C-alpha atoms as a PDB file:
ATOM      1  CA  MET A   1      -7.193  14.625   8.175  1.00  0.00           C
ATOM      2  CA  VAL A   2      -4.495  13.452  10.609  1.00  0.00           C
ATOM      3  CA  GLU A   3      -1.127  15.176  10.020  1.00  0.00           C
ATOM      4  CA  LEU A   4       1.269  12.998   8.084  1.00  0.00           C
ATOM      5  CA  THR A   5       4.266  11.863  10.114  1.00  0.00           C
ATOM      6  CA  LEU A   6       7.630  10.494   9.095  1.00  0.00           C
ATOM      7  CA  LEU A   7       6.728   7.076  10.671  1.00  0.00           C
ATOM      8  CA  THR A   8       3.415   6.893   8.719  1.00  0.00           C
ATOM      9  CA  LEU A   9       5.073   7.907   5.430  1.00  0.00           C
ATOM     10  CA  LEU A  10       7.960   5.452   5.801  1.00  0.00           C
ATOM     11  CA  ASN A  11       5.692   2.620   6.835  1.00  0.00           C
ATOM     12  CA  THR A  12       3.533   3.141   3.773  1.00  0.00           C
ATOM     13  CA  VAL A  13       6.544   3.429   1.392  1.00  0.00           C
ATOM     14  CA  ALA A  14       8.304   0.454   2.940  1.00  0.00           C
ATOM     15  CA  VAL A  15       5.266  -1.854   2.536  1.00  0.00           C
ATOM     16  CA  ASP A  16       4.844  -0.755  -1.091  1.00  0.00           C
ATOM     17  CA  PHE A  17       8.641  -1.017  -1.702  1.00  0.00           C
ATOM     18  CA  CYS A  18       8.685  -4.577  -0.436  1.00  0.00           C
ATOM     19  CA  ALA A  19       5.652  -5.589  -2.493  1.00  0.00           C
ATOM     20  CA  ASN A  20       7.371  -4.136  -5.651  1.00  0.00           C
ATOM     21  CA  ARG A  21      10.602  -5.933  -4.911  1.00  0.00           C
ATOM     22  CA  ASN A  22       8.684  -9.144  -4.409  1.00  0.00           C
ATOM     23  CA  LYS A  23       7.136  -8.661  -7.871  1.00  0.00           C
ATOM     24  CA  GLY A  24      10.692  -8.450  -9.320  1.00  0.00           C
ATOM     25  CA  MET A  25      11.058  -4.696  -9.721  1.00  0.00           C
ATOM     26  CA  ASP A  26      14.579  -3.435  -9.271  1.00  0.00           C
ATOM     27  CA  THR A  27      15.387  -1.133  -6.285  1.00  0.00           C
ATOM     28  CA  LEU A  28      15.039   2.225  -8.054  1.00  0.00           C
ATOM     29  CA  ARG A  29      11.730   1.397  -9.669  1.00  0.00           C
ATOM     30  CA  SER A  30      10.438   0.001  -6.386  1.00  0.00           C
ATOM     31  CA  VAL A  31      11.335   3.198  -4.524  1.00  0.00           C
ATOM     32  CA  LEU A  32       9.879   5.487  -7.182  1.00  0.00           C
ATOM     33  CA  VAL A  33       6.594   3.570  -7.525  1.00  0.00           C
ATOM     34  CA  ALA A  34       6.187   3.421  -3.774  1.00  0.00           C
ATOM     35  CA  TYR A  35       6.941   7.155  -3.461  1.00  0.00           C
ATOM     36  CA  SER A  36       4.400   7.936  -6.217  1.00  0.00           C
ATOM     37  CA  LYS A  37       1.756   5.852  -4.428  1.00  0.00           C
ATOM     38  CA  ALA A  38       2.464   7.828  -1.216  1.00  0.00           C
ATOM     39  CA  ASN A  39       1.988  11.056  -3.139  1.00  0.00           C
ATOM     40  CA  ASP A  40      -1.362   9.845  -4.347  1.00  0.00           C
ATOM     41  CA  LYS A  41      -2.440   8.731  -0.830  1.00  0.00           C
ATOM     42  CA  TYR A  42      -1.252  11.712   1.246  1.00  0.00           C
ATOM     43  CA  GLY A  43      -0.837  14.508  -1.284  1.00  0.00           C
ATOM     44  CA  GLY A  44       2.492  15.652  -2.774  1.00  0.00           C
ATOM     45  CA  SER A  45       2.799  18.734  -0.626  1.00  0.00           C
ATOM     46  CA  ASN A  46       2.398  16.688   2.596  1.00  0.00           C
ATOM     47  CA  VAL A  47       4.944  14.059   1.409  1.00  0.00           C
ATOM     48  CA  ARG A  48       7.453  16.792   0.441  1.00  0.00           C
ATOM     49  CA  ARG A  49       6.955  18.549   3.767  1.00  0.00           C
ATOM     50  CA  VAL A  50       7.713  15.406   5.829  1.00  0.00           C
ATOM     51  CA  ILE A  51      10.702  14.492   3.593  1.00  0.00           C
ATOM     52  CA  SER A  52      12.229  18.032   3.764  1.00  0.00           C
ATOM     53  CA  THR A  53      11.725  18.551   7.490  1.00  0.00           C
ATOM     54  CA  SER A  54      12.749  15.179   8.847  1.00  0.00           C
ATOM     55  CA  PRO A  55      16.260  14.730  10.192  1.00  0.00           C
ATOM     56  CA  ALA A  56      18.069  11.472   9.555  1.00  0.00           C
ATOM     57  CA  ILE A  57      15.429  10.309   7.077  1.00  0.00           C
ATOM     58  CA  GLU A  58      17.918   8.040   5.300  1.00  0.00           C
ATOM     59  CA  ALA A  59      18.653   5.942   8.385  1.00  0.00           C
ATOM     60  CA  ALA A  60      14.965   5.787   9.303  1.00  0.00           C
ATOM     61  CA  ALA A  61      13.942   4.703   5.809  1.00  0.00           C
ATOM     62  CA  ILE A  62      16.588   1.972   5.657  1.00  0.00           C
ATOM     63  CA  ALA A  63      15.623   0.700   9.031  1.00  0.00           C
ATOM     64  CA  MET A  64      11.958   0.543   8.102  1.00  0.00           C
ATOM     65  CA  VAL A  65      12.658  -1.397   4.868  1.00  0.00           C
ATOM     66  CA  VAL A  66      14.987  -3.749   6.622  1.00  0.00           C
ATOM     67  CA  SER A  67      12.368  -4.505   9.219  1.00  0.00           C
ATOM     68  CA  LYS A  68       9.562  -4.938   6.662  1.00  0.00           C
ATOM     69  CA  CYS A  69      11.509  -7.027   4.064  1.00  0.00           C
ATOM     70  CA  PRO A  70      14.994  -8.049   5.141  1.00  0.00           C
ATOM     71  CA  GLY A  71      17.307  -8.788   2.265  1.00  0.00           C
ATOM     72  CA  GLN A  72      15.613  -6.537  -0.278  1.00  0.00           C
ATOM     73  CA  LEU A  73      18.207  -3.726  -0.178  1.00  0.00           C
END
């Protein structure tokens, strides 16, 4: 298995977040469901490792969502 990177994780979560928002979910539910799906796909320990070791994850996450679905935040 290829090692999970921040870019891969954020891309996956952003796509799912945007799909959830487009279905009418609020922001918090969209984030939580997208995060849960990432855990299913990559494994919880891999997701937690990337989240806990990535600097400036907030800015990277916001930038990814804004590029995937502008106006959803």
